[in-house]
Amino acid sequence: MTLHVADVERSLDFYKRIPGAIVQQHRPGDSALLHFGEGRLGLLRQAGRSLGLATGSPARAQAW
């Protein structure tokens, strides 16, 4: 899953506090990728919006 966020650093600080979170990639101010077991979470800076969500598949979007 990818979250489009206004502040990557603030979001990364929040999500890396979750037990088991591993930061796999970090481009300061631009993006970050975290792994949680077999799951992963991408954080991508999105100017002009506070939050967006991308699931990668219509089936996953319907589940939300």
N, C-alpha and C. Protein backbone atom coordinates (compact mmCIF):
# COMPACT_ATOMS: atom_id res chain seq x y z
N MET A 1 0.85 -1.15 0.00
CA MET A 1 0.00 0.00 0.00
C MET A 1 0.90 1.22 0.00
N THR A 2 0.47 2.28 -0.67
CA THR A 2 1.20 3.54 -0.68
C THR A 2 0.29 4.64 -0.16
N LEU A 3 0.80 5.40 0.79
CA LEU A 3 0.10 6.58 1.30
C LEU A 3 0.76 7.82 0.71
N HIS A 4 -0.05 8.70 0.17
CA HIS A 4 0.44 9.99 -0.32
C HIS A 4 0.25 10.97 0.83
N VAL A 5 1.36 11.50 1.32
CA VAL A 5 1.33 12.32 2.53
C VAL A 5 1.95 13.70 2.28
N ALA A 6 1.57 14.66 3.10
CA ALA A 6 2.11 16.01 2.98
C ALA A 6 3.52 16.10 3.56
N ASP A 7 3.82 15.31 4.58
CA ASP A 7 5.11 15.39 5.27
C ASP A 7 5.67 13.97 5.46
N VAL A 8 6.58 13.56 4.60
CA VAL A 8 7.15 12.21 4.66
C VAL A 8 7.88 11.98 5.97
N GLU A 9 8.63 12.95 6.44
CA GLU A 9 9.42 12.77 7.67
C GLU A 9 8.53 12.56 8.88
N ARG A 10 7.48 13.34 8.99
CA ARG A 10 6.55 13.19 10.12
C ARG A 10 5.83 11.85 10.06
N SER A 11 5.42 11.45 8.86
CA SER A 11 4.74 10.17 8.69
C SER A 11 5.69 9.01 8.99
N LEU A 12 6.92 9.11 8.51
CA LEU A 12 7.91 8.06 8.77
C LEU A 12 8.17 7.93 10.27
N ASP A 13 8.31 9.04 10.96
CA ASP A 13 8.51 9.01 12.42
C ASP A 13 7.37 8.26 13.10
N PHE A 14 6.14 8.46 12.62
CA PHE A 14 4.98 7.79 13.20
C PHE A 14 5.01 6.29 12.92
N TYR A 15 5.13 5.90 11.67
CA TYR A 15 5.02 4.49 11.29
C TYR A 15 6.20 3.64 11.74
N LYS A 16 7.38 4.21 11.87
CA LYS A 16 8.52 3.38 12.30
C LYS A 16 8.47 3.05 13.79
N ARG A 17 7.53 3.64 14.52
CA ARG A 17 7.33 3.30 15.94
C ARG A 17 6.54 2.01 16.11
N ILE A 18 5.91 1.53 15.04
CA ILE A 18 5.13 0.30 15.12
C ILE A 18 6.09 -0.87 15.28
N PRO A 19 5.86 -1.73 16.27
CA PRO A 19 6.75 -2.86 16.48
C PRO A 19 6.89 -3.70 15.20
N GLY A 20 8.12 -4.03 14.85
CA GLY A 20 8.40 -4.83 13.67
C GLY A 20 8.62 -4.03 12.41
N ALA A 21 8.43 -2.70 12.47
CA ALA A 21 8.63 -1.86 11.29
C ALA A 21 10.11 -1.76 10.95
N ILE A 22 10.42 -1.97 9.68
CA ILE A 22 11.80 -1.87 9.20
C ILE A 22 11.81 -0.89 8.03
N VAL A 23 12.62 0.15 8.14
CA VAL A 23 12.75 1.12 7.06
C VAL A 23 13.68 0.51 6.01
N GLN A 24 13.15 0.25 4.82
CA GLN A 24 13.92 -0.35 3.73
C GLN A 24 14.57 0.70 2.84
N GLN A 25 13.87 1.81 2.67
CA GLN A 25 14.38 2.87 1.79
C GLN A 25 13.85 4.20 2.29
N HIS A 26 14.68 5.23 2.19
CA HIS A 26 14.26 6.56 2.62
C HIS A 26 14.96 7.62 1.77
N ARG A 27 14.17 8.40 1.10
CA ARG A 27 14.66 9.58 0.38
C ARG A 27 14.09 10.78 1.11
N PRO A 28 14.90 11.41 1.96
CA PRO A 28 14.41 12.48 2.82
C PRO A 28 13.58 13.52 2.07
N GLY A 29 12.39 13.78 2.62
CA GLY A 29 11.49 14.78 2.06
C GLY A 29 10.72 14.32 0.84
N ASP A 30 11.00 13.10 0.33
CA ASP A 30 10.37 12.64 -0.90
C ASP A 30 9.58 11.35 -0.73
N SER A 31 10.22 10.31 -0.17
CA SER A 31 9.55 9.02 -0.07
C SER A 31 10.23 8.12 0.96
N ALA A 32 9.51 7.08 1.36
CA ALA A 32 10.05 6.07 2.27
C ALA A 32 9.31 4.77 2.02
N LEU A 33 9.98 3.65 2.28
CA LEU A 33 9.38 2.33 2.17
C LEU A 33 9.68 1.56 3.45
N LEU A 34 8.61 1.07 4.07
CA LEU A 34 8.75 0.29 5.31
C LEU A 34 8.19 -1.10 5.09
N HIS A 35 8.77 -2.09 5.79
CA HIS A 35 8.28 -3.46 5.77
C HIS A 35 7.76 -3.80 7.16
N PHE A 36 6.65 -4.52 7.18
CA PHE A 36 6.04 -5.03 8.41
C PHE A 36 5.78 -6.51 8.16
N GLY A 37 6.68 -7.39 8.57
CA GLY A 37 6.53 -8.81 8.25
C GLY A 37 6.57 -8.98 6.74
N GLU A 38 5.50 -9.52 6.16
CA GLU A 38 5.44 -9.67 4.71
C GLU A 38 4.74 -8.51 4.02
N GLY A 39 4.24 -7.57 4.80
CA GLY A 39 3.58 -6.40 4.24
C GLY A 39 4.55 -5.25 4.06
N ARG A 40 4.13 -4.29 3.27
CA ARG A 40 4.97 -3.10 3.10
C ARG A 40 4.09 -1.87 2.98
N LEU A 41 4.70 -0.75 3.32
CA LEU A 41 4.00 0.52 3.28
C LEU A 41 4.92 1.54 2.63
N GLY A 42 4.44 2.18 1.59
CA GLY A 42 5.17 3.26 0.95
C GLY A 42 4.61 4.60 1.38
N LEU A 43 5.47 5.55 1.62
CA LEU A 43 5.09 6.92 1.93
C LEU A 43 5.64 7.79 0.81
N LEU A 44 4.77 8.54 0.18
CA LEU A 44 5.16 9.35 -0.96
C LEU A 44 4.65 10.77 -0.77
N ARG A 45 5.55 11.74 -0.90
CA ARG A 45 5.16 13.14 -0.71
C ARG A 45 4.19 13.55 -1.81
N GLN A 46 3.09 14.15 -1.38
CA GLN A 46 2.07 14.64 -2.30
C GLN A 46 1.80 16.10 -1.96
N ALA A 47 2.35 17.01 -2.74
CA ALA A 47 2.16 18.44 -2.49
C ALA A 47 0.70 18.81 -2.73
N GLY A 48 0.18 19.64 -1.85
CA GLY A 48 -1.17 20.16 -2.03
C GLY A 48 -2.27 19.29 -1.44
N ARG A 49 -1.94 18.11 -0.94
CA ARG A 49 -2.91 17.23 -0.31
C ARG A 49 -2.35 16.78 1.02
N SER A 50 -3.24 16.49 1.95
CA SER A 50 -2.76 16.01 3.24
C SER A 50 -2.67 14.49 3.29
N LEU A 51 -3.52 13.76 2.53
CA LEU A 51 -3.49 12.31 2.57
C LEU A 51 -4.16 11.74 1.34
N GLY A 52 -3.57 10.72 0.77
CA GLY A 52 -4.17 9.97 -0.33
C GLY A 52 -3.81 8.51 -0.12
N LEU A 53 -4.51 7.60 -0.79
CA LEU A 53 -4.29 6.18 -0.61
C LEU A 53 -4.26 5.49 -1.97
N ALA A 54 -3.27 4.64 -2.19
CA ALA A 54 -3.19 3.84 -3.41
C ALA A 54 -2.99 2.39 -2.99
N THR A 55 -3.85 1.48 -3.47
CA THR A 55 -3.77 0.08 -3.05
C THR A 55 -3.11 -0.79 -4.11
N GLY A 56 -3.11 -0.38 -5.36
CA GLY A 56 -2.50 -1.18 -6.40
C GLY A 56 -3.46 -2.12 -7.10
N SER A 57 -4.67 -2.33 -6.54
CA SER A 57 -5.63 -3.18 -7.22
C SER A 57 -7.05 -2.79 -6.85
N PRO A 58 -7.99 -2.87 -7.80
CA PRO A 58 -9.39 -2.53 -7.51
C PRO A 58 -9.99 -3.42 -6.43
N ALA A 59 -9.60 -4.69 -6.36
CA ALA A 59 -10.13 -5.59 -5.34
C ALA A 59 -9.76 -5.12 -3.94
N ARG A 60 -8.53 -4.67 -3.78
CA ARG A 60 -8.11 -4.16 -2.48
C ARG A 60 -8.83 -2.86 -2.14
N ALA A 61 -9.05 -2.03 -3.12
CA ALA A 61 -9.76 -0.78 -2.88
C ALA A 61 -11.17 -1.05 -2.41
N GLN A 62 -11.84 -2.06 -2.95
CA GLN A 62 -13.20 -2.40 -2.55
C GLN A 62 -13.23 -2.93 -1.11
N ALA A 63 -12.16 -3.58 -0.70
CA ALA A 63 -12.09 -4.11 0.66
C ALA A 63 -12.06 -3.00 1.70
N TRP A 64 -11.56 -1.83 1.31
CA TRP A 64 -11.51 -0.69 2.24
C TRP A 64 -12.87 -0.10 2.35
